[in-house]
Amino acid sequence: MNRKLAESRGRRAETIAAWWLRLKGWRILARRARVPGGEVDLVARRGRVVTFVEVKQRRSEETAAWALDQYRLRRVAVAAERLAPRFTKEGDDIRIDAIFIVPGHLPRHLANIWHG
């Protein structure tokens, strides 16, 4: 797949995921937050919980899950650790979530997928 098309699909998936989170009461704090060593697709807050979200769009949920391997999760964890001071307050709970975007299905939000 050409890189431009992949980039466009990725941005569209992130937009869908952001709207899904908003519908569930989350406030989007950042999109594509980058730091040396990693990137987080979305940063969201609901109450005292701040989540760093990895979005995966694939043809099936199984292929989306396979695309979220330990290497990618580690990069998200590194980015989340470096971004946390920017988006969290004392007493906040921090977690890493994933949202799978699969055509013909509602987004699937997996909470707290990284346990270091």
N, C-alpha and C. Protein backbone atom coordinates (compact mmCIF):
# COMPACT_ATOMS: atom_id res chain seq x y z
N MET A 1 0.86 -1.18 0.00
CA MET A 1 0.00 0.00 0.00
C MET A 1 0.90 1.24 0.00
N ASN A 2 0.50 2.22 -0.76
CA ASN A 2 1.34 3.41 -0.82
C ASN A 2 1.26 4.21 0.49
N ARG A 3 2.37 4.84 0.82
CA ARG A 3 2.52 5.51 2.11
C ARG A 3 1.48 6.61 2.35
N LYS A 4 1.17 7.36 1.30
CA LYS A 4 0.20 8.45 1.43
C LYS A 4 -1.19 7.91 1.79
N LEU A 5 -1.58 6.83 1.13
CA LEU A 5 -2.87 6.20 1.41
C LEU A 5 -2.90 5.66 2.84
N ALA A 6 -1.82 5.01 3.27
CA ALA A 6 -1.74 4.49 4.63
C ALA A 6 -1.85 5.62 5.66
N GLU A 7 -1.18 6.72 5.39
CA GLU A 7 -1.24 7.88 6.28
C GLU A 7 -2.66 8.42 6.37
N SER A 8 -3.34 8.52 5.24
CA SER A 8 -4.72 9.00 5.20
C SER A 8 -5.65 8.08 5.99
N ARG A 9 -5.50 6.78 5.80
CA ARG A 9 -6.33 5.82 6.52
C ARG A 9 -6.06 5.88 8.02
N GLY A 10 -4.80 6.04 8.37
CA GLY A 10 -4.45 6.14 9.79
C GLY A 10 -5.06 7.36 10.45
N ARG A 11 -5.01 8.48 9.77
CA ARG A 11 -5.62 9.71 10.31
C ARG A 11 -7.13 9.57 10.43
N ARG A 12 -7.74 8.93 9.44
CA ARG A 12 -9.20 8.72 9.50
C ARG A 12 -9.56 7.80 10.68
N ALA A 13 -8.78 6.75 10.90
CA ALA A 13 -9.01 5.84 12.03
C ALA A 13 -8.87 6.59 13.36
N GLU A 14 -7.87 7.45 13.45
CA GLU A 14 -7.68 8.24 14.67
C GLU A 14 -8.85 9.19 14.91
N THR A 15 -9.38 9.75 13.84
CA THR A 15 -10.55 10.63 13.97
C THR A 15 -11.76 9.84 14.47
N ILE A 16 -11.98 8.66 13.92
CA ILE A 16 -13.09 7.80 14.36
C ILE A 16 -12.90 7.45 15.84
N ALA A 17 -11.68 7.06 16.21
CA ALA A 17 -11.40 6.70 17.60
C ALA A 17 -11.62 7.89 18.54
N ALA A 18 -11.21 9.08 18.12
CA ALA A 18 -11.40 10.27 18.95
C ALA A 18 -12.88 10.54 19.16
N TRP A 19 -13.68 10.43 18.12
CA TRP A 19 -15.12 10.65 18.26
C TRP A 19 -15.75 9.58 19.14
N TRP A 20 -15.29 8.34 19.01
CA TRP A 20 -15.80 7.26 19.85
C TRP A 20 -15.53 7.57 21.33
N LEU A 21 -14.31 8.01 21.61
CA LEU A 21 -13.98 8.36 23.00
C LEU A 21 -14.83 9.52 23.49
N ARG A 22 -15.02 10.52 22.65
CA ARG A 22 -15.86 11.66 23.04
C ARG A 22 -17.28 11.21 23.37
N LEU A 23 -17.80 10.29 22.57
CA LEU A 23 -19.15 9.77 22.84
C LEU A 23 -19.22 9.03 24.18
N LYS A 24 -18.10 8.52 24.64
CA LYS A 24 -18.03 7.79 25.91
C LYS A 24 -17.62 8.70 27.07
N GLY A 25 -17.58 10.01 26.82
CA GLY A 25 -17.32 10.95 27.90
C GLY A 25 -15.87 11.37 28.08
N TRP A 26 -15.00 11.00 27.15
CA TRP A 26 -13.59 11.38 27.23
C TRP A 26 -13.37 12.73 26.55
N ARG A 27 -12.39 13.47 27.05
CA ARG A 27 -11.98 14.72 26.41
C ARG A 27 -10.63 14.45 25.75
N ILE A 28 -10.50 14.78 24.49
CA ILE A 28 -9.25 14.55 23.76
C ILE A 28 -8.30 15.70 24.09
N LEU A 29 -7.13 15.34 24.62
CA LEU A 29 -6.12 16.34 25.00
C LEU A 29 -5.10 16.55 23.89
N ALA A 30 -4.82 15.51 23.11
CA ALA A 30 -3.83 15.62 22.04
C ALA A 30 -4.01 14.51 21.03
N ARG A 31 -3.60 14.79 19.80
CA ARG A 31 -3.55 13.80 18.73
C ARG A 31 -2.12 13.75 18.21
N ARG A 32 -1.65 12.54 17.95
CA ARG A 32 -0.30 12.34 17.42
C ARG A 32 0.76 13.08 18.23
N ALA A 33 0.75 12.83 19.52
CA ALA A 33 1.73 13.45 20.41
C ALA A 33 3.06 12.71 20.26
N ARG A 34 4.10 13.44 19.88
CA ARG A 34 5.41 12.82 19.60
C ARG A 34 6.46 13.31 20.58
N VAL A 35 7.31 12.37 20.92
CA VAL A 35 8.50 12.65 21.73
C VAL A 35 9.62 11.77 21.19
N PRO A 36 10.87 12.08 21.53
CA PRO A 36 11.94 11.17 21.11
C PRO A 36 11.67 9.76 21.65
N GLY A 37 11.69 8.80 20.76
CA GLY A 37 11.49 7.41 21.18
C GLY A 37 10.09 6.87 20.99
N GLY A 38 9.14 7.72 20.57
CA GLY A 38 7.80 7.19 20.38
C GLY A 38 6.76 8.23 20.06
N GLU A 39 5.56 7.73 19.85
CA GLU A 39 4.41 8.57 19.52
C GLU A 39 3.16 7.93 20.11
N VAL A 40 2.23 8.77 20.49
CA VAL A 40 0.94 8.32 20.98
C VAL A 40 -0.12 8.89 20.04
N ASP A 41 -1.03 8.03 19.57
CA ASP A 41 -2.05 8.49 18.63
C ASP A 41 -3.01 9.49 19.27
N LEU A 42 -3.50 9.16 20.47
CA LEU A 42 -4.43 10.04 21.17
C LEU A 42 -4.09 10.08 22.65
N VAL A 43 -4.31 11.24 23.25
CA VAL A 43 -4.24 11.38 24.70
C VAL A 43 -5.61 11.89 25.12
N ALA A 44 -6.23 11.20 26.09
CA ALA A 44 -7.60 11.55 26.49
C ALA A 44 -7.73 11.54 28.00
N ARG A 45 -8.70 12.31 28.48
CA ARG A 45 -8.98 12.39 29.93
C ARG A 45 -10.47 12.20 30.16
N ARG A 46 -10.77 11.45 31.22
CA ARG A 46 -12.14 11.37 31.75
C ARG A 46 -12.00 11.33 33.26
N GLY A 47 -12.44 12.40 33.89
CA GLY A 47 -12.27 12.51 35.34
C GLY A 47 -10.80 12.54 35.70
N ARG A 48 -10.39 11.62 36.57
CA ARG A 48 -9.00 11.56 37.05
C ARG A 48 -8.17 10.53 36.29
N VAL A 49 -8.68 10.04 35.17
CA VAL A 49 -7.96 9.05 34.36
C VAL A 49 -7.46 9.72 33.08
N VAL A 50 -6.17 9.57 32.83
CA VAL A 50 -5.57 10.01 31.58
C VAL A 50 -5.10 8.76 30.86
N THR A 51 -5.52 8.62 29.60
CA THR A 51 -5.11 7.45 28.83
C THR A 51 -4.36 7.86 27.57
N PHE A 52 -3.35 7.08 27.28
CA PHE A 52 -2.55 7.23 26.07
C PHE A 52 -3.01 6.10 25.16
N VAL A 53 -3.56 6.45 24.00
CA VAL A 53 -4.27 5.49 23.16
C VAL A 53 -3.53 5.20 21.86
N GLU A 54 -3.37 3.91 21.58
CA GLU A 54 -2.83 3.44 20.30
C GLU A 54 -4.03 3.00 19.46
N VAL A 55 -4.14 3.52 18.25
CA VAL A 55 -5.24 3.20 17.34
C VAL A 55 -4.72 2.30 16.23
N LYS A 56 -5.43 1.21 15.99
CA LYS A 56 -5.07 0.29 14.91
C LYS A 56 -6.29 0.05 14.03
N GLN A 57 -6.12 0.28 12.73
CA GLN A 57 -7.18 -0.02 11.77
C GLN A 57 -6.69 -1.16 10.88
N ARG A 58 -7.46 -2.21 10.83
CA ARG A 58 -7.14 -3.36 9.99
C ARG A 58 -8.44 -3.96 9.47
N ARG A 59 -8.32 -4.95 8.61
CA ARG A 59 -9.49 -5.61 8.02
C ARG A 59 -10.26 -6.46 9.03
N SER A 60 -9.56 -6.94 10.06
CA SER A 60 -10.22 -7.75 11.09
C SER A 60 -9.64 -7.40 12.45
N GLU A 61 -10.36 -7.75 13.49
CA GLU A 61 -9.87 -7.49 14.83
C GLU A 61 -8.61 -8.31 15.12
N GLU A 62 -8.55 -9.50 14.57
CA GLU A 62 -7.37 -10.35 14.78
C GLU A 62 -6.12 -9.70 14.20
N THR A 63 -6.22 -9.16 12.98
CA THR A 63 -5.04 -8.53 12.39
C THR A 63 -4.69 -7.23 13.11
N ALA A 64 -5.70 -6.54 13.65
CA ALA A 64 -5.43 -5.34 14.44
C ALA A 64 -4.66 -5.71 15.70
N ALA A 65 -5.08 -6.79 16.35
CA ALA A 65 -4.40 -7.24 17.57
C ALA A 65 -2.96 -7.64 17.27
N TRP A 66 -2.74 -8.33 16.15
CA TRP A 66 -1.38 -8.72 15.76
C TRP A 66 -0.51 -7.50 15.48
N ALA A 67 -1.10 -6.43 14.99
CA ALA A 67 -0.34 -5.22 14.68
C ALA A 67 0.11 -4.49 15.94
N LEU A 68 -0.46 -4.86 17.06
CA LEU A 68 -0.12 -4.21 18.33
C LEU A 68 0.78 -5.15 19.14
N ASP A 69 2.01 -5.29 18.69
CA ASP A 69 2.95 -6.22 19.33
C ASP A 69 3.70 -5.54 20.48
N GLN A 70 4.52 -6.32 21.17
CA GLN A 70 5.26 -5.81 22.34
C GLN A 70 6.18 -4.64 21.98
N TYR A 71 6.79 -4.69 20.80
CA TYR A 71 7.67 -3.61 20.38
C TYR A 71 6.88 -2.30 20.29
N ARG A 72 5.75 -2.33 19.61
CA ARG A 72 4.94 -1.11 19.47
C ARG A 72 4.40 -0.64 20.81
N LEU A 73 3.95 -1.57 21.64
CA LEU A 73 3.45 -1.20 22.96
C LEU A 73 4.55 -0.55 23.80
N ARG A 74 5.76 -1.07 23.71
CA ARG A 74 6.88 -0.49 24.45
C ARG A 74 7.14 0.94 24.00
N ARG A 75 7.05 1.19 22.69
CA ARG A 75 7.25 2.56 22.17
C ARG A 75 6.16 3.49 22.69
N VAL A 76 4.92 3.01 22.74
CA VAL A 76 3.82 3.82 23.28
C VAL A 76 4.07 4.08 24.76
N ALA A 77 4.52 3.06 25.49
CA ALA A 77 4.79 3.22 26.92
C ALA A 77 5.89 4.26 27.17
N VAL A 78 6.94 4.22 26.37
CA VAL A 78 8.03 5.21 26.49
C VAL A 78 7.48 6.61 26.22
N ALA A 79 6.70 6.74 25.16
CA ALA A 79 6.12 8.05 24.83
C ALA A 79 5.19 8.51 25.94
N ALA A 80 4.36 7.62 26.46
CA ALA A 80 3.42 7.97 27.53
C ALA A 80 4.16 8.46 28.77
N GLU A 81 5.24 7.77 29.11
CA GLU A 81 6.03 8.17 30.27
C GLU A 81 6.61 9.57 30.09
N ARG A 82 7.07 9.86 28.89
CA ARG A 82 7.66 11.17 28.61
C ARG A 82 6.60 12.27 28.47
N LEU A 83 5.40 11.90 28.05
CA LEU A 83 4.33 12.87 27.87
C LEU A 83 3.51 13.10 29.14
N ALA A 84 3.55 12.17 30.06
CA ALA A 84 2.70 12.25 31.25
C ALA A 84 2.79 13.58 31.99
N PRO A 85 3.99 14.12 32.22
CA PRO A 85 4.04 15.40 32.94
C PRO A 85 3.28 16.53 32.24
N ARG A 86 3.17 16.45 30.93
CA ARG A 86 2.48 17.48 30.16
C ARG A 86 0.96 17.40 30.32
N PHE A 87 0.42 16.20 30.54
CA PHE A 87 -1.02 16.00 30.51
C PHE A 87 -1.66 15.56 31.82
N THR A 88 -0.86 15.24 32.81
CA THR A 88 -1.44 14.72 34.06
C THR A 88 -1.25 15.70 35.21
N LYS A 89 -2.10 15.49 36.21
CA LYS A 89 -2.01 16.26 37.45
C LYS A 89 -1.77 15.27 38.57
N GLU A 90 -1.35 15.78 39.70
CA GLU A 90 -1.12 14.91 40.85
C GLU A 90 -2.41 14.17 41.20
N GLY A 91 -2.29 12.86 41.42
CA GLY A 91 -3.45 12.05 41.79
C GLY A 91 -4.16 11.40 40.62
N ASP A 92 -3.76 11.73 39.39
CA ASP A 92 -4.39 11.11 38.22
C ASP A 92 -3.94 9.67 38.08
N ASP A 93 -4.83 8.86 37.56
CA ASP A 93 -4.48 7.50 37.14
C ASP A 93 -4.07 7.57 35.68
N ILE A 94 -3.02 6.85 35.34
CA ILE A 94 -2.51 6.85 33.97
C ILE A 94 -2.58 5.43 33.45
N ARG A 95 -3.00 5.29 32.18
CA ARG A 95 -3.03 3.97 31.57
C ARG A 95 -2.80 4.08 30.07
N ILE A 96 -2.56 2.93 29.46
CA ILE A 96 -2.40 2.83 28.02
C ILE A 96 -3.53 1.96 27.49
N ASP A 97 -4.27 2.49 26.53
CA ASP A 97 -5.40 1.80 25.92
C ASP A 97 -5.14 1.59 24.44
N ALA A 98 -5.97 0.76 23.82
CA ALA A 98 -5.94 0.58 22.37
C ALA A 98 -7.37 0.67 21.86
N ILE A 99 -7.51 1.16 20.65
CA ILE A 99 -8.81 1.14 19.97
C ILE A 99 -8.59 0.51 18.61
N PHE A 100 -9.37 -0.53 18.33
CA PHE A 100 -9.32 -1.21 17.04
C PHE A 100 -10.45 -0.70 16.18
N ILE A 101 -10.12 -0.29 14.97
CA ILE A 101 -11.09 0.17 13.98
C ILE A 101 -11.13 -0.89 12.89
N VAL A 102 -12.29 -1.53 12.75
CA VAL A 102 -12.48 -2.60 11.78
C VAL A 102 -13.71 -2.24 10.95
N PRO A 103 -13.61 -2.24 9.62
CA PRO A 103 -14.76 -1.89 8.78
C PRO A 103 -16.00 -2.73 9.12
N GLY A 104 -17.14 -2.06 9.19
CA GLY A 104 -18.40 -2.74 9.45
C GLY A 104 -18.68 -3.04 10.91
N HIS A 105 -17.79 -2.61 11.81
CA HIS A 105 -17.97 -2.84 13.24
C HIS A 105 -17.79 -1.54 14.01
N LEU A 106 -18.38 -1.49 15.19
CA LEU A 106 -18.12 -0.35 16.07
C LEU A 106 -16.68 -0.44 16.56
N PRO A 107 -16.08 0.69 16.88
CA PRO A 107 -14.72 0.65 17.42
C PRO A 107 -14.68 -0.20 18.70
N ARG A 108 -13.58 -0.89 18.90
CA ARG A 108 -13.40 -1.70 20.11
C ARG A 108 -12.32 -1.06 20.96
N HIS A 109 -12.70 -0.64 22.16
CA HIS A 109 -11.80 0.05 23.09
C HIS A 109 -11.31 -0.96 24.13
N LEU A 110 -10.01 -1.18 24.14
CA LEU A 110 -9.38 -2.08 25.12
C LEU A 110 -8.65 -1.23 26.14
N ALA A 111 -9.11 -1.27 27.37
CA ALA A 111 -8.53 -0.43 28.42
C ALA A 111 -7.34 -1.11 29.09
N ASN A 112 -6.36 -0.29 29.45
CA ASN A 112 -5.24 -0.71 30.27
C ASN A 112 -4.51 -1.94 29.72
N ILE A 113 -4.02 -1.82 28.49
CA ILE A 113 -3.41 -2.97 27.82
C ILE A 113 -1.93 -3.16 28.14
N TRP A 114 -1.30 -2.18 28.75
CA TRP A 114 0.14 -2.28 29.04
C TRP A 114 0.35 -2.41 30.54
N HIS A 115 1.07 -3.44 30.92
CA HIS A 115 1.35 -3.64 32.34
C HIS A 115 2.84 -3.67 32.63
N GLY A 116 3.63 -3.17 31.68
CA GLY A 116 5.07 -3.01 31.80
C GLY A 116 5.79 -4.21 32.17
